[in-house]
N, C-alpha and C. Protein backbone atom coordinates (compact mmCIF):
# COMPACT_ATOMS: atom_id res chain seq x y z
N MET A 1 0.85 -1.16 0.00
CA MET A 1 0.00 0.00 0.00
C MET A 1 0.90 1.22 0.00
N THR A 2 0.54 2.20 -0.82
CA THR A 2 1.35 3.41 -0.90
C THR A 2 0.50 4.62 -0.56
N GLY A 3 1.13 5.76 -0.50
CA GLY A 3 0.42 7.00 -0.26
C GLY A 3 0.44 7.35 1.22
N ALA A 4 0.46 8.65 1.49
CA ALA A 4 0.53 9.12 2.87
C ALA A 4 -0.85 9.21 3.51
N ALA A 5 -1.89 9.29 2.69
CA ALA A 5 -3.23 9.46 3.22
C ALA A 5 -3.70 8.22 3.96
N LEU A 6 -4.24 8.44 5.15
CA LEU A 6 -4.79 7.35 5.93
C LEU A 6 -6.31 7.39 5.93
N ASP A 7 -6.89 8.39 5.28
CA ASP A 7 -8.33 8.49 5.19
C ASP A 7 -8.86 7.35 4.33
N PRO A 8 -10.09 6.91 4.61
CA PRO A 8 -10.66 5.86 3.77
C PRO A 8 -10.83 6.36 2.34
N PRO A 9 -10.67 5.49 1.36
CA PRO A 9 -10.82 5.91 -0.02
C PRO A 9 -12.28 6.23 -0.35
N VAL A 10 -12.47 7.05 -1.35
CA VAL A 10 -13.80 7.36 -1.85
C VAL A 10 -14.29 6.21 -2.72
N VAL A 11 -13.36 5.61 -3.47
CA VAL A 11 -13.67 4.52 -4.39
C VAL A 11 -12.71 3.37 -4.15
N SER A 12 -13.26 2.15 -4.13
CA SER A 12 -12.44 0.94 -4.08
C SER A 12 -12.71 0.14 -5.35
N VAL A 13 -11.67 -0.21 -6.06
CA VAL A 13 -11.77 -1.05 -7.24
C VAL A 13 -11.32 -2.44 -6.81
N VAL A 14 -12.22 -3.42 -6.91
CA VAL A 14 -11.90 -4.79 -6.51
C VAL A 14 -11.94 -5.66 -7.75
N VAL A 15 -10.84 -6.37 -7.99
CA VAL A 15 -10.70 -7.21 -9.18
C VAL A 15 -10.23 -8.59 -8.77
N ALA A 16 -10.87 -9.61 -9.32
CA ALA A 16 -10.40 -10.99 -9.15
C ALA A 16 -9.60 -11.36 -10.40
N THR A 17 -8.54 -12.11 -10.22
CA THR A 17 -7.74 -12.53 -11.36
C THR A 17 -7.27 -13.97 -11.18
N PHE A 18 -7.00 -14.61 -12.29
CA PHE A 18 -6.50 -15.98 -12.28
C PHE A 18 -5.54 -16.16 -13.45
N ARG A 19 -4.28 -16.35 -13.13
CA ARG A 19 -3.23 -16.59 -14.13
C ARG A 19 -3.19 -15.52 -15.23
N ARG A 20 -3.18 -14.25 -14.80
CA ARG A 20 -3.13 -13.15 -15.76
C ARG A 20 -2.20 -12.04 -15.29
N PRO A 21 -0.95 -12.34 -15.01
CA PRO A 21 -0.08 -11.27 -14.52
C PRO A 21 0.07 -10.13 -15.52
N ASP A 22 0.09 -10.44 -16.82
CA ASP A 22 0.23 -9.39 -17.83
C ASP A 22 -0.98 -8.47 -17.85
N ARG A 23 -2.16 -9.01 -17.68
CA ARG A 23 -3.37 -8.17 -17.66
C ARG A 23 -3.45 -7.34 -16.38
N CYS A 24 -2.92 -7.86 -15.30
CA CYS A 24 -2.89 -7.08 -14.05
C CYS A 24 -2.02 -5.85 -14.23
N VAL A 25 -0.90 -6.01 -14.90
CA VAL A 25 -0.02 -4.87 -15.19
C VAL A 25 -0.78 -3.85 -16.03
N ARG A 26 -1.46 -4.30 -17.07
CA ARG A 26 -2.23 -3.39 -17.93
C ARG A 26 -3.34 -2.69 -17.15
N LEU A 27 -4.01 -3.41 -16.27
CA LEU A 27 -5.06 -2.82 -15.44
C LEU A 27 -4.51 -1.70 -14.58
N LEU A 28 -3.43 -1.96 -13.86
CA LEU A 28 -2.86 -0.94 -12.98
C LEU A 28 -2.34 0.26 -13.77
N GLU A 29 -1.76 0.01 -14.92
CA GLU A 29 -1.31 1.12 -15.78
C GLU A 29 -2.49 1.97 -16.23
N ALA A 30 -3.58 1.34 -16.62
CA ALA A 30 -4.77 2.08 -17.05
C ALA A 30 -5.33 2.90 -15.89
N LEU A 31 -5.40 2.31 -14.71
CA LEU A 31 -5.93 3.03 -13.55
C LEU A 31 -5.02 4.19 -13.15
N SER A 32 -3.75 4.10 -13.43
CA SER A 32 -2.83 5.20 -13.10
C SER A 32 -3.06 6.42 -14.00
N ARG A 33 -3.77 6.24 -15.11
CA ARG A 33 -4.01 7.34 -16.04
C ARG A 33 -5.38 8.00 -15.85
N GLN A 34 -6.18 7.50 -14.92
CA GLN A 34 -7.49 8.13 -14.72
C GLN A 34 -7.31 9.43 -13.93
N THR A 35 -8.37 10.22 -13.80
CA THR A 35 -8.22 11.58 -13.29
C THR A 35 -8.54 11.77 -11.80
N MET A 36 -9.04 10.77 -11.13
CA MET A 36 -9.33 10.91 -9.70
C MET A 36 -8.02 11.01 -8.93
N PRO A 37 -7.93 11.90 -7.94
CA PRO A 37 -6.70 11.99 -7.15
C PRO A 37 -6.34 10.65 -6.52
N ALA A 38 -5.07 10.32 -6.55
CA ALA A 38 -4.58 9.02 -6.10
C ALA A 38 -4.96 8.71 -4.65
N GLU A 39 -5.06 9.72 -3.81
CA GLU A 39 -5.39 9.47 -2.41
C GLU A 39 -6.88 9.15 -2.20
N GLN A 40 -7.69 9.29 -3.25
CA GLN A 40 -9.12 9.05 -3.10
C GLN A 40 -9.57 7.66 -3.53
N PHE A 41 -8.66 6.85 -4.06
CA PHE A 41 -9.09 5.52 -4.47
C PHE A 41 -8.04 4.48 -4.15
N GLU A 42 -8.51 3.24 -4.08
CA GLU A 42 -7.61 2.12 -3.86
C GLU A 42 -7.98 1.02 -4.85
N VAL A 43 -7.01 0.15 -5.10
CA VAL A 43 -7.23 -1.00 -5.97
C VAL A 43 -6.88 -2.24 -5.17
N ILE A 44 -7.81 -3.17 -5.13
CA ILE A 44 -7.60 -4.44 -4.44
C ILE A 44 -7.70 -5.53 -5.50
N VAL A 45 -6.61 -6.24 -5.72
CA VAL A 45 -6.58 -7.31 -6.70
C VAL A 45 -6.41 -8.62 -5.95
N VAL A 46 -7.35 -9.53 -6.18
CA VAL A 46 -7.33 -10.82 -5.49
C VAL A 46 -6.94 -11.90 -6.49
N ASP A 47 -5.78 -12.51 -6.25
CA ASP A 47 -5.31 -13.62 -7.07
C ASP A 47 -6.03 -14.88 -6.58
N ASP A 48 -6.78 -15.51 -7.47
CA ASP A 48 -7.57 -16.69 -7.10
C ASP A 48 -6.72 -17.96 -7.17
N CYS A 49 -5.65 -17.96 -6.37
CA CYS A 49 -4.76 -19.12 -6.23
C CYS A 49 -4.25 -19.59 -7.60
N SER A 50 -3.67 -18.65 -8.36
CA SER A 50 -3.22 -18.94 -9.72
C SER A 50 -2.15 -20.02 -9.81
N GLY A 51 -1.22 -20.02 -8.86
CA GLY A 51 -0.14 -20.99 -8.93
C GLY A 51 0.96 -20.62 -9.91
N ASP A 52 0.89 -19.42 -10.47
CA ASP A 52 1.96 -18.92 -11.34
C ASP A 52 2.56 -17.68 -10.70
N SER A 53 3.05 -16.75 -11.49
CA SER A 53 3.71 -15.55 -10.95
C SER A 53 2.75 -14.40 -10.66
N THR A 54 1.46 -14.59 -10.83
CA THR A 54 0.50 -13.49 -10.69
C THR A 54 0.62 -12.78 -9.35
N PHE A 55 0.59 -13.50 -8.26
CA PHE A 55 0.64 -12.87 -6.94
C PHE A 55 1.97 -12.15 -6.73
N GLU A 56 3.06 -12.74 -7.15
CA GLU A 56 4.37 -12.10 -6.99
C GLU A 56 4.46 -10.81 -7.81
N VAL A 57 3.92 -10.84 -9.02
CA VAL A 57 3.91 -9.63 -9.86
C VAL A 57 3.09 -8.54 -9.18
N LEU A 58 1.92 -8.89 -8.67
CA LEU A 58 1.07 -7.91 -7.99
C LEU A 58 1.75 -7.33 -6.76
N THR A 59 2.38 -8.18 -5.97
CA THR A 59 3.04 -7.70 -4.76
C THR A 59 4.18 -6.77 -5.10
N GLU A 60 4.91 -7.10 -6.13
CA GLU A 60 6.04 -6.25 -6.55
C GLU A 60 5.54 -4.91 -7.08
N LEU A 61 4.46 -4.92 -7.83
CA LEU A 61 3.92 -3.69 -8.43
C LEU A 61 3.22 -2.78 -7.42
N ALA A 62 2.74 -3.33 -6.34
CA ALA A 62 1.90 -2.58 -5.39
C ALA A 62 2.53 -1.28 -4.93
N SER A 63 3.81 -1.26 -4.72
CA SER A 63 4.45 -0.04 -4.20
C SER A 63 4.88 0.94 -5.29
N SER A 64 4.66 0.60 -6.54
CA SER A 64 5.15 1.46 -7.62
C SER A 64 4.09 2.43 -8.17
N TYR A 65 2.94 2.51 -7.52
CA TYR A 65 1.88 3.41 -7.98
C TYR A 65 1.57 4.44 -6.90
N PRO A 66 1.09 5.61 -7.28
CA PRO A 66 0.78 6.64 -6.29
C PRO A 66 -0.50 6.35 -5.52
N PHE A 67 -1.33 5.47 -6.02
CA PHE A 67 -2.56 5.10 -5.33
C PHE A 67 -2.32 3.81 -4.54
N ARG A 68 -3.24 3.54 -3.61
CA ARG A 68 -3.12 2.34 -2.78
C ARG A 68 -3.45 1.10 -3.60
N VAL A 69 -2.55 0.13 -3.56
CA VAL A 69 -2.76 -1.16 -4.22
C VAL A 69 -2.57 -2.24 -3.17
N ARG A 70 -3.57 -3.11 -3.04
CA ARG A 70 -3.44 -4.24 -2.14
C ARG A 70 -3.57 -5.52 -2.95
N ALA A 71 -2.63 -6.41 -2.78
CA ALA A 71 -2.67 -7.71 -3.43
C ALA A 71 -3.03 -8.75 -2.39
N LEU A 72 -4.07 -9.50 -2.68
CA LEU A 72 -4.51 -10.57 -1.79
C LEU A 72 -4.48 -11.87 -2.59
N GLN A 73 -4.50 -12.99 -1.88
CA GLN A 73 -4.50 -14.28 -2.55
C GLN A 73 -5.44 -15.23 -1.82
N THR A 74 -6.24 -15.96 -2.58
CA THR A 74 -7.15 -16.93 -1.98
C THR A 74 -6.37 -18.19 -1.62
N PRO A 75 -6.85 -18.94 -0.62
CA PRO A 75 -6.18 -20.18 -0.24
C PRO A 75 -6.44 -21.33 -1.22
N ALA A 76 -7.52 -21.22 -1.99
CA ALA A 76 -7.86 -22.25 -2.99
C ALA A 76 -8.63 -21.57 -4.12
N ASN A 77 -8.52 -22.12 -5.31
CA ASN A 77 -9.23 -21.57 -6.47
C ASN A 77 -10.71 -21.92 -6.36
N ARG A 78 -11.55 -20.87 -6.26
CA ARG A 78 -12.99 -21.09 -6.14
C ARG A 78 -13.78 -20.24 -7.12
N GLY A 79 -13.12 -19.51 -8.00
CA GLY A 79 -13.82 -18.70 -8.98
C GLY A 79 -13.82 -17.23 -8.64
N PRO A 80 -14.25 -16.39 -9.60
CA PRO A 80 -14.17 -14.94 -9.43
C PRO A 80 -15.08 -14.38 -8.35
N GLY A 81 -16.27 -14.94 -8.17
CA GLY A 81 -17.18 -14.43 -7.15
C GLY A 81 -16.60 -14.51 -5.74
N PRO A 82 -16.21 -15.69 -5.30
CA PRO A 82 -15.59 -15.78 -3.97
C PRO A 82 -14.32 -14.93 -3.83
N ALA A 83 -13.54 -14.83 -4.92
CA ALA A 83 -12.33 -14.01 -4.86
C ALA A 83 -12.69 -12.54 -4.67
N ARG A 84 -13.68 -12.05 -5.40
CA ARG A 84 -14.13 -10.67 -5.21
C ARG A 84 -14.65 -10.44 -3.80
N ASN A 85 -15.37 -11.42 -3.27
CA ASN A 85 -15.89 -11.29 -1.91
C ASN A 85 -14.76 -11.13 -0.90
N ILE A 86 -13.68 -11.84 -1.09
CA ILE A 86 -12.51 -11.69 -0.22
C ILE A 86 -11.98 -10.26 -0.32
N GLY A 87 -11.96 -9.72 -1.52
CA GLY A 87 -11.51 -8.34 -1.72
C GLY A 87 -12.40 -7.34 -1.01
N TRP A 88 -13.69 -7.56 -1.04
CA TRP A 88 -14.61 -6.65 -0.36
C TRP A 88 -14.53 -6.83 1.13
């Protein structure tokens, strides 16, 4: 998580992913170009137990953006719905 603001975000973006580290990079890059101030939103990406480099890529990228990024990982692959619920 980055940023000095400790206030709750105005917007939370919650995304479930499975074996898509390249798309996670594209997602975070796209979100970095939107116009909302970085301290007003957070991104929570939940890796649905991919078993590849997805979680490691997300963890490494989390500190490189001006907005808050949290990478979470499910203990077992159960699909996008349960993964999103963990994010919420």
